[in-house]
Amino acid sequence: MIAALQQADSTVQAAIDAGLVPGTVLLIARDGETLHEKAYGFASLVGADGRMLEAPERMTTDHVFDLASLTKVLATTFGVMLLVDRGEI
């Protein structure tokens, strides 16, 4: 399990280092128990005016994300995975 967590950690950090995302939060849980929870990078590097922030806000594990157009995809995926977990599909 530790090797898998280290791989997840390096994968997330590589995405940030490559500039794919400014930051993210990774939470891995099993059977209701949190196995790993970590915040990486920054919540945003660009302000509302489109300019780079001089002091970007660090990402935190309790950061609130605006899901906007991802709501349908995430809700559907969660619903399907819940049904799979219950053995209903």
PDB file of N, CA and C in Angstrom:
ATOM      1  N   MET A   1       0.826  -1.201   0.000  1.00  0.00           N
ATOM      2  CA  MET A   1       0.000   0.000   0.000  1.00  0.00           C
ATOM      3  C   MET A   1       0.864   1.257   0.000  1.00  0.00           C
ATOM      4  N   ILE A   2       1.965   1.231   0.739  1.00  0.00           N
ATOM      5  CA  ILE A   2       2.822   2.412   0.824  1.00  0.00           C
ATOM      6  C   ILE A   2       3.386   2.775  -0.546  1.00  0.00           C
ATOM      7  N   ALA A   3       3.778   1.771  -1.325  1.00  0.00           N
ATOM      8  CA  ALA A   3       4.308   2.037  -2.672  1.00  0.00           C
ATOM      9  C   ALA A   3       3.246   2.690  -3.546  1.00  0.00           C
ATOM     10  N   ALA A   4       1.998   2.233  -3.420  1.00  0.00           N
ATOM     11  CA  ALA A   4       0.903   2.808  -4.211  1.00  0.00           C
ATOM     12  C   ALA A   4       0.656   4.261  -3.811  1.00  0.00           C
ATOM     13  N   LEU A   5       0.727   4.557  -2.523  1.00  0.00           N
ATOM     14  CA  LEU A   5       0.541   5.936  -2.055  1.00  0.00           C
ATOM     15  C   LEU A   5       1.681   6.827  -2.543  1.00  0.00           C
ATOM     16  N   GLN A   6       2.893   6.304  -2.532  1.00  0.00           N
ATOM     17  CA  GLN A   6       4.032   7.075  -3.037  1.00  0.00           C
ATOM     18  C   GLN A   6       3.891   7.335  -4.533  1.00  0.00           C
ATOM     19  N   GLN A   7       3.375   6.338  -5.273  1.00  0.00           N
ATOM     20  CA  GLN A   7       3.160   6.509  -6.713  1.00  0.00           C
ATOM     21  C   GLN A   7       2.091   7.571  -6.965  1.00  0.00           C
ATOM     22  N   ALA A   8       1.005   7.527  -6.196  1.00  0.00           N
ATOM     23  CA  ALA A   8      -0.055   8.533  -6.336  1.00  0.00           C
ATOM     24  C   ALA A   8       0.499   9.919  -6.026  1.00  0.00           C
ATOM     25  N   ASP A   9       1.285  10.014  -4.973  1.00  0.00           N
ATOM     26  CA  ASP A   9       1.891  11.284  -4.580  1.00  0.00           C
ATOM     27  C   ASP A   9       2.784  11.827  -5.695  1.00  0.00           C
ATOM     28  N   SER A  10       3.651  10.964  -6.268  1.00  0.00           N
ATOM     29  CA  SER A  10       4.535  11.444  -7.342  1.00  0.00           C
ATOM     30  C   SER A  10       3.775  11.794  -8.600  1.00  0.00           C
ATOM     31  N   THR A  11       2.703  11.077  -8.900  1.00  0.00           N
ATOM     32  CA  THR A  11       1.907  11.376 -10.095  1.00  0.00           C
ATOM     33  C   THR A  11       1.256  12.753  -9.973  1.00  0.00           C
ATOM     34  N   VAL A  12       0.680  13.029  -8.812  1.00  0.00           N
ATOM     35  CA  VAL A  12       0.051  14.333  -8.584  1.00  0.00           C
ATOM     36  C   VAL A  12       1.099  15.444  -8.649  1.00  0.00           C
ATOM     37  N   GLN A  13       2.226  15.239  -7.997  1.00  0.00           N
ATOM     38  CA  GLN A  13       3.271  16.269  -8.000  1.00  0.00           C
ATOM     39  C   GLN A  13       3.810  16.502  -9.407  1.00  0.00           C
ATOM     40  N   ALA A  14       3.919  15.444 -10.206  1.00  0.00           N
ATOM     41  CA  ALA A  14       4.398  15.580 -11.591  1.00  0.00           C
ATOM     42  C   ALA A  14       3.436  16.427 -12.419  1.00  0.00           C
ATOM     43  N   ALA A  15       2.126  16.257 -12.196  1.00  0.00           N
ATOM     44  CA  ALA A  15       1.133  17.055 -12.922  1.00  0.00           C
ATOM     45  C   ALA A  15       1.266  18.534 -12.564  1.00  0.00           C
ATOM     46  N   ILE A  16       1.524  18.819 -11.307  1.00  0.00           N
ATOM     47  CA  ILE A  16       1.712  20.210 -10.875  1.00  0.00           C
ATOM     48  C   ILE A  16       3.007  20.766 -11.460  1.00  0.00           C
ATOM     49  N   ASP A  17       4.076  19.987 -11.373  1.00  0.00           N
ATOM     50  CA  ASP A  17       5.373  20.427 -11.900  1.00  0.00           C
ATOM     51  C   ASP A  17       5.322  20.681 -13.405  1.00  0.00           C
ATOM     52  N   ALA A  18       4.487  19.907 -14.117  1.00  0.00           N
ATOM     53  CA  ALA A  18       4.348  20.070 -15.571  1.00  0.00           C
ATOM     54  C   ALA A  18       3.424  21.230 -15.931  1.00  0.00           C
ATOM     55  N   GLY A  19       2.799  21.853 -14.921  1.00  0.00           N
ATOM     56  CA  GLY A  19       1.909  22.980 -15.179  1.00  0.00           C
ATOM     57  C   GLY A  19       0.527  22.573 -15.649  1.00  0.00           C
ATOM     58  N   LEU A  20       0.164  21.298 -15.461  1.00  0.00           N
ATOM     59  CA  LEU A  20      -1.163  20.837 -15.879  1.00  0.00           C
ATOM     60  C   LEU A  20      -2.253  21.356 -14.951  1.00  0.00           C
ATOM     61  N   VAL A  21      -1.943  21.481 -13.680  1.00  0.00           N
ATOM     62  CA  VAL A  21      -2.864  22.028 -12.675  1.00  0.00           C
ATOM     63  C   VAL A  21      -2.041  22.839 -11.677  1.00  0.00           C
ATOM     64  N   PRO A  22      -2.635  23.889 -11.085  1.00  0.00           N
ATOM     65  CA  PRO A  22      -1.880  24.659 -10.092  1.00  0.00           C
ATOM     66  C   PRO A  22      -1.767  23.918  -8.759  1.00  0.00           C
ATOM     67  N   GLY A  23      -2.752  23.072  -8.473  1.00  0.00           N
ATOM     68  CA  GLY A  23      -2.762  22.329  -7.221  1.00  0.00           C
ATOM     69  C   GLY A  23      -3.944  21.390  -7.184  1.00  0.00           C
ATOM     70  N   THR A  24      -3.963  20.541  -6.185  1.00  0.00           N
ATOM     71  CA  THR A  24      -5.060  19.591  -6.046  1.00  0.00           C
ATOM     72  C   THR A  24      -5.062  19.026  -4.632  1.00  0.00           C
ATOM     73  N   VAL A  25      -6.106  18.281  -4.332  1.00  0.00           N
ATOM     74  CA  VAL A  25      -6.190  17.564  -3.064  1.00  0.00           C
ATOM     75  C   VAL A  25      -6.402  16.099  -3.397  1.00  0.00           C
ATOM     76  N   LEU A  26      -5.638  15.247  -2.763  1.00  0.00           N
ATOM     77  CA  LEU A  26      -5.756  13.805  -2.965  1.00  0.00           C
ATOM     78  C   LEU A  26      -6.233  13.182  -1.667  1.00  0.00           C
ATOM     79  N   LEU A  27      -7.325  12.431  -1.746  1.00  0.00           N
ATOM     80  CA  LEU A  27      -7.830  11.708  -0.588  1.00  0.00           C
ATOM     81  C   LEU A  27      -8.077  10.280  -1.031  1.00  0.00           C
ATOM     82  N   ILE A  28      -7.489   9.347  -0.328  1.00  0.00           N
ATOM     83  CA  ILE A  28      -7.688   7.930  -0.613  1.00  0.00           C
ATOM     84  C   ILE A  28      -8.300   7.312   0.631  1.00  0.00           C
ATOM     85  N   ALA A  29      -9.443   6.654   0.450  1.00  0.00           N
ATOM     86  CA  ALA A  29     -10.146   6.046   1.577  1.00  0.00           C
ATOM     87  C   ALA A  29     -10.556   4.625   1.215  1.00  0.00           C
ATOM     88  N   ARG A  30     -10.691   3.815   2.242  1.00  0.00           N
ATOM     89  CA  ARG A  30     -11.152   2.442   2.043  1.00  0.00           C
ATOM     90  C   ARG A  30     -11.992   2.058   3.252  1.00  0.00           C
ATOM     91  N   ASP A  31     -13.170   1.526   2.972  1.00  0.00           N
ATOM     92  CA  ASP A  31     -14.083   1.089   4.034  1.00  0.00           C
ATOM     93  C   ASP A  31     -14.337   2.191   5.060  1.00  0.00           C
ATOM     94  N   GLY A  32     -14.480   3.414   4.573  1.00  0.00           N
ATOM     95  CA  GLY A  32     -14.792   4.537   5.445  1.00  0.00           C
ATOM     96  C   GLY A  32     -13.610   5.103   6.210  1.00  0.00           C
ATOM     97  N   GLU A  33     -12.425   4.546   6.008  1.00  0.00           N
ATOM     98  CA  GLU A  33     -11.231   5.023   6.708  1.00  0.00           C
ATOM     99  C   GLU A  33     -10.335   5.791   5.737  1.00  0.00           C
ATOM    100  N   THR A  34      -9.946   6.996   6.127  1.00  0.00           N
ATOM    101  CA  THR A  34      -9.034   7.784   5.303  1.00  0.00           C
ATOM    102  C   THR A  34      -7.630   7.216   5.443  1.00  0.00           C
ATOM    103  N   LEU A  35      -7.067   6.792   4.308  1.00  0.00           N
ATOM    104  CA  LEU A  35      -5.725   6.219   4.300  1.00  0.00           C
ATOM    105  C   LEU A  35      -4.659   7.272   3.987  1.00  0.00           C
ATOM    106  N   HIS A  36      -5.055   8.263   3.197  1.00  0.00           N
ATOM    107  CA  HIS A  36      -4.092   9.285   2.764  1.00  0.00           C
ATOM    108  C   HIS A  36      -4.872  10.539   2.394  1.00  0.00           C
ATOM    109  N   GLU A  37      -4.433  11.668   2.896  1.00  0.00           N
ATOM    110  CA  GLU A  37      -5.060  12.946   2.550  1.00  0.00           C
ATOM    111  C   GLU A  37      -3.965  14.004   2.519  1.00  0.00           C
ATOM    112  N   LYS A  38      -3.844  14.664   1.370  1.00  0.00           N
ATOM    113  CA  LYS A  38      -2.773  15.645   1.228  1.00  0.00           C
ATOM    114  C   LYS A  38      -3.167  16.717   0.220  1.00  0.00           C
ATOM    115  N   ALA A  39      -2.804  17.955   0.515  1.00  0.00           N
ATOM    116  CA  ALA A  39      -3.004  19.075  -0.405  1.00  0.00           C
ATOM    117  C   ALA A  39      -1.675  19.379  -1.082  1.00  0.00           C
ATOM    118  N   TYR A  40      -1.738  19.718  -2.363  1.00  0.00           N
ATOM    119  CA  TYR A  40      -0.548  20.000  -3.159  1.00  0.00           C
ATOM    120  C   TYR A  40      -0.709  21.349  -3.853  1.00  0.00           C
ATOM    121  N   GLY A  41       0.368  22.095  -3.968  1.00  0.00           N
ATOM    122  CA  GLY A  41       0.380  23.291  -4.801  1.00  0.00           C
ATOM    123  C   GLY A  41      -0.494  24.421  -4.297  1.00  0.00           C
ATOM    124  N   PHE A  42      -1.111  25.103  -5.266  1.00  0.00           N
ATOM    125  CA  PHE A  42      -1.877  26.317  -4.989  1.00  0.00           C
ATOM    126  C   PHE A  42      -3.327  26.186  -5.442  1.00  0.00           C
ATOM    127  N   ALA A  43      -4.215  26.903  -4.755  1.00  0.00           N
ATOM    128  CA  ALA A  43      -5.630  26.910  -5.127  1.00  0.00           C
ATOM    129  C   ALA A  43      -5.818  27.605  -6.470  1.00  0.00           C
ATOM    130  N   SER A  44      -5.060  28.652  -6.709  1.00  0.00           N
ATOM    131  CA  SER A  44      -5.113  29.375  -7.980  1.00  0.00           C
ATOM    132  C   SER A  44      -3.851  30.203  -8.128  1.00  0.00           C
ATOM    133  N   LEU A  45      -3.389  30.298  -9.353  1.00  0.00           N
ATOM    134  CA  LEU A  45      -2.213  31.126  -9.630  1.00  0.00           C
ATOM    135  C   LEU A  45      -2.594  32.436 -10.303  1.00  0.00           C
ATOM    136  N   VAL A  46      -3.865  32.512 -10.773  1.00  0.00           N
ATOM    137  CA  VAL A  46      -4.341  33.655 -11.551  1.00  0.00           C
ATOM    138  C   VAL A  46      -5.547  34.275 -10.847  1.00  0.00           C
ATOM    139  N   GLY A  47      -5.556  35.596 -10.758  1.00  0.00           N
ATOM    140  CA  GLY A  47      -6.664  36.302 -10.135  1.00  0.00           C
ATOM    141  C   GLY A  47      -7.851  36.449 -11.075  1.00  0.00           C
ATOM    142  N   ALA A  48      -8.932  37.024 -10.577  1.00  0.00           N
ATOM    143  CA  ALA A  48     -10.151  37.227 -11.368  1.00  0.00           C
ATOM    144  C   ALA A  48      -9.900  38.124 -12.573  1.00  0.00           C
ATOM    145  N   ASP A  49      -8.874  38.966 -12.489  1.00  0.00           N
ATOM    146  CA  ASP A  49      -8.554  39.871 -13.596  1.00  0.00           C
ATOM    147  C   ASP A  49      -7.634  39.221 -14.642  1.00  0.00           C
ATOM    148  N   GLY A  50      -7.286  37.949 -14.434  1.00  0.00           N
ATOM    149  CA  GLY A  50      -6.446  37.238 -15.393  1.00  0.00           C
ATOM    150  C   GLY A  50      -4.953  37.412 -15.173  1.00  0.00           C
ATOM    151  N   ARG A  51      -4.589  38.172 -14.169  1.00  0.00           N
ATOM    152  CA  ARG A  51      -3.162  38.399 -13.890  1.00  0.00           C
ATOM    153  C   ARG A  51      -2.640  37.370 -12.884  1.00  0.00           C
ATOM    154  N   MET A  52      -1.364  37.056 -13.024  1.00  0.00           N
ATOM    155  CA  MET A  52      -0.722  36.143 -12.077  1.00  0.00           C
ATOM    156  C   MET A  52      -0.752  36.764 -10.682  1.00  0.00           C
ATOM    157  N   LEU A  53      -1.093  35.969  -9.695  1.00  0.00           N
ATOM    158  CA  LEU A  53      -1.131  36.447  -8.317  1.00  0.00           C
ATOM    159  C   LEU A  53       0.280  36.548  -7.754  1.00  0.00           C
ATOM    160  N   GLU A  54       0.543  37.622  -7.036  1.00  0.00           N
ATOM    161  CA  GLU A  54       1.858  37.784  -6.403  1.00  0.00           C
ATOM    162  C   GLU A  54       2.030  36.811  -5.242  1.00  0.00           C
ATOM    163  N   ALA A  55       0.944  36.566  -4.523  1.00  0.00           N
ATOM    164  CA  ALA A  55       0.983  35.649  -3.381  1.00  0.00           C
ATOM    165  C   ALA A  55      -0.187  34.668  -3.503  1.00  0.00           C
ATOM    166  N   PRO A  56      -0.037  33.633  -4.334  1.00  0.00           N
ATOM    167  CA  PRO A  56      -1.140  32.690  -4.509  1.00  0.00           C
ATOM    168  C   PRO A  56      -1.472  31.945  -3.215  1.00  0.00           C
ATOM    169  N   GLU A  57      -2.743  31.598  -3.082  1.00  0.00           N
ATOM    170  CA  GLU A  57      -3.226  30.881  -1.901  1.00  0.00           C
ATOM    171  C   GLU A  57      -2.824  29.409  -1.994  1.00  0.00           C
ATOM    172  N   ARG A  58      -2.204  28.888  -0.951  1.00  0.00           N
ATOM    173  CA  ARG A  58      -1.830  27.475  -0.909  1.00  0.00           C
ATOM    174  C   ARG A  58      -3.087  26.613  -0.868  1.00  0.00           C
ATOM    175  N   MET A  59      -3.040  25.474  -1.499  1.00  0.00           N
ATOM    176  CA  MET A  59      -4.145  24.524  -1.459  1.00  0.00           C
ATOM    177  C   MET A  59      -4.211  23.931  -0.052  1.00  0.00           C
ATOM    178  N   THR A  60      -5.424  23.689   0.423  1.00  0.00           N
ATOM    179  CA  THR A  60      -5.623  23.050   1.724  1.00  0.00           C
ATOM    180  C   THR A  60      -6.529  21.841   1.545  1.00  0.00           C
ATOM    181  N   THR A  61      -6.490  20.924   2.486  1.00  0.00           N
ATOM    182  CA  THR A  61      -7.321  19.718   2.373  1.00  0.00           C
ATOM    183  C   THR A  61      -8.809  20.022   2.519  1.00  0.00           C
ATOM    184  N   ASP A  62      -9.147  21.195   3.036  1.00  0.00           N
ATOM    185  CA  ASP A  62     -10.567  21.547   3.161  1.00  0.00           C
ATOM    186  C   ASP A  62     -10.987  22.636   2.168  1.00  0.00           C
ATOM    187  N   HIS A  63     -10.211  22.803   1.101  1.00  0.00           N
ATOM    188  CA  HIS A  63     -10.531  23.810   0.082  1.00  0.00           C
ATOM    189  C   HIS A  63     -11.878  23.488  -0.580  1.00  0.00           C
ATOM    190  N   VAL A  64     -12.690  24.511  -0.830  1.00  0.00           N
ATOM    191  CA  VAL A  64     -13.978  24.339  -1.505  1.00  0.00           C
ATOM    192  C   VAL A  64     -13.767  24.588  -2.996  1.00  0.00           C
ATOM    193  N   PHE A  65     -14.130  23.599  -3.820  1.00  0.00           N
ATOM    194  CA  PHE A  65     -13.946  23.695  -5.261  1.00  0.00           C
ATOM    195  C   PHE A  65     -15.248  24.070  -5.951  1.00  0.00           C
ATOM    196  N   ASP A  66     -15.161  24.911  -6.970  1.00  0.00           N
ATOM    197  CA  ASP A  66     -16.304  25.237  -7.819  1.00  0.00           C
ATOM    198  C   ASP A  66     -16.318  24.207  -8.947  1.00  0.00           C
ATOM    199  N   LEU A  67     -17.267  23.291  -8.897  1.00  0.00           N
ATOM    200  CA  LEU A  67     -17.307  22.212  -9.884  1.00  0.00           C
ATOM    201  C   LEU A  67     -17.930  22.631 -11.203  1.00  0.00           C
ATOM    202  N   ALA A  68     -18.737  23.682 -11.173  1.00  0.00           N
ATOM    203  CA  ALA A  68     -19.350  24.230 -12.392  1.00  0.00           C
ATOM    204  C   ALA A  68     -19.866  23.138 -13.318  1.00  0.00           C
ATOM    205  N   SER A  69     -19.331  23.057 -14.521  1.00  0.00           N
ATOM    206  CA  SER A  69     -19.863  22.125 -15.521  1.00  0.00           C
ATOM    207  C   SER A  69     -19.474  20.671 -15.262  1.00  0.00           C
ATOM    208  N   LEU A  70     -18.719  20.411 -14.225  1.00  0.00           N
ATOM    209  CA  LEU A  70     -18.354  19.027 -13.905  1.00  0.00           C
ATOM    210  C   LEU A  70     -19.392  18.326 -13.036  1.00  0.00           C
ATOM    211  N   THR A  71     -20.375  19.064 -12.553  1.00  0.00           N
ATOM    212  CA  THR A  71     -21.355  18.505 -11.633  1.00  0.00           C
ATOM    213  C   THR A  71     -22.027  17.257 -12.186  1.00  0.00           C
ATOM    214  N   LYS A  72     -22.503  17.310 -13.430  1.00  0.00           N
ATOM    215  CA  LYS A  72     -23.203  16.155 -14.004  1.00  0.00           C
ATOM    216  C   LYS A  72     -22.293  14.941 -14.103  1.00  0.00           C
ATOM    217  N   VAL A  73     -21.079  15.146 -14.568  1.00  0.00           N
ATOM    218  CA  VAL A  73     -20.136  14.036 -14.723  1.00  0.00           C
ATOM    219  C   VAL A  73     -19.799  13.419 -13.369  1.00  0.00           C
ATOM    220  N   LEU A  74     -19.493  14.250 -12.397  1.00  0.00           N
ATOM    221  CA  LEU A  74     -19.122  13.739 -11.080  1.00  0.00           C
ATOM    222  C   LEU A  74     -20.291  13.069 -10.375  1.00  0.00           C
ATOM    223  N   ALA A  75     -21.462  13.672 -10.447  1.00  0.00           N
ATOM    224  CA  ALA A  75     -22.630  13.082  -9.795  1.00  0.00           C
ATOM    225  C   ALA A  75     -22.985  11.743 -10.429  1.00  0.00           C
ATOM    226  N   THR A  76     -22.924  11.666 -11.754  1.00  0.00           N
ATOM    227  CA  THR A  76     -23.228  10.415 -12.446  1.00  0.00           C
ATOM    228  C   THR A  76     -22.195   9.347 -12.103  1.00  0.00           C
ATOM    229  N   THR A  77     -20.927   9.708 -12.135  1.00  0.00           N
ATOM    230  CA  THR A  77     -19.861   8.753 -11.815  1.00  0.00           C
ATOM    231  C   THR A  77     -20.015   8.240 -10.389  1.00  0.00           C
ATOM    232  N   PHE A  78     -20.259   9.143  -9.455  1.00  0.00           N
ATOM    233  CA  PHE A  78     -20.444   8.742  -8.065  1.00  0.00           C
ATOM    234  C   PHE A  78     -21.637   7.799  -7.933  1.00  0.00           C
ATOM    235  N   GLY A  79     -22.739   8.143  -8.591  1.00  0.00           N
ATOM    236  CA  GLY A  79     -23.935   7.306  -8.527  1.00  0.00           C
ATOM    237  C   GLY A  79     -23.697   5.916  -9.090  1.00  0.00           C
ATOM    238  N   VAL A  80     -23.023   5.842 -10.226  1.00  0.00           N
ATOM    239  CA  VAL A  80     -22.726   4.546 -10.848  1.00  0.00           C
ATOM    240  C   VAL A  80     -21.795   3.732  -9.952  1.00  0.00           C
ATOM    241  N   MET A  81     -20.766   4.361  -9.401  1.00  0.00           N
ATOM    242  CA  MET A  81     -19.831   3.639  -8.536  1.00  0.00           C
ATOM    243  C   MET A  81     -20.510   3.150  -7.258  1.00  0.00           C
ATOM    244  N   LEU A  82     -21.468   3.902  -6.771  1.00  0.00           N
ATOM    245  CA  LEU A  82     -22.233   3.475  -5.602  1.00  0.00           C
ATOM    246  C   LEU A  82     -23.025   2.216  -5.931  1.00  0.00           C
ATOM    247  N   LEU A  83     -23.651   2.194  -7.112  1.00  0.00           N
ATOM    248  CA  LEU A  83     -24.395   1.008  -7.537  1.00  0.00           C
ATOM    249  C   LEU A  83     -23.467  -0.188  -7.741  1.00  0.00           C
ATOM    250  N   VAL A  84     -22.290   0.045  -8.292  1.00  0.00           N
ATOM    251  CA  VAL A  84     -21.305  -1.032  -8.466  1.00  0.00           C
ATOM    252  C   VAL A  84     -20.891  -1.569  -7.101  1.00  0.00           C
ATOM    253  N   ASP A  85     -20.620  -0.673  -6.171  1.00  0.00           N
ATOM    254  CA  ASP A  85     -20.208  -1.071  -4.828  1.00  0.00           C
ATOM    255  C   ASP A  85     -21.270  -1.925  -4.146  1.00  0.00           C
ATOM    256  N   ARG A  86     -22.524  -1.614  -4.408  1.00  0.00           N
ATOM    257  CA  ARG A  86     -23.639  -2.371  -3.821  1.00  0.00           C
ATOM    258  C   ARG A  86     -23.924  -3.667  -4.580  1.00  0.00           C
ATOM    259  N   GLY A  87     -23.254  -3.849  -5.721  1.00  0.00           N
ATOM    260  CA  GLY A  87     -23.475  -5.046  -6.532  1.00  0.00           C
ATOM    261  C   GLY A  87     -24.758  -4.994  -7.340  1.00  0.00           C
ATOM    262  N   GLU A  88     -25.305  -3.802  -7.536  1.00  0.00           N
ATOM    263  CA  GLU A  88     -26.559  -3.660  -8.269  1.00  0.00           C
ATOM    264  C   GLU A  88     -26.342  -3.549  -9.767  1.00  0.00           C
ATOM    265  N   ILE A  89     -25.129  -3.269 -10.194  1.00  0.00           N
ATOM    266  CA  ILE A  89     -24.795  -3.300 -11.630  1.00  0.00           C
ATOM    267  C   ILE A  89     -23.396  -3.869 -11.792  1.00  0.00           C
TER     268      ILE A  89
END
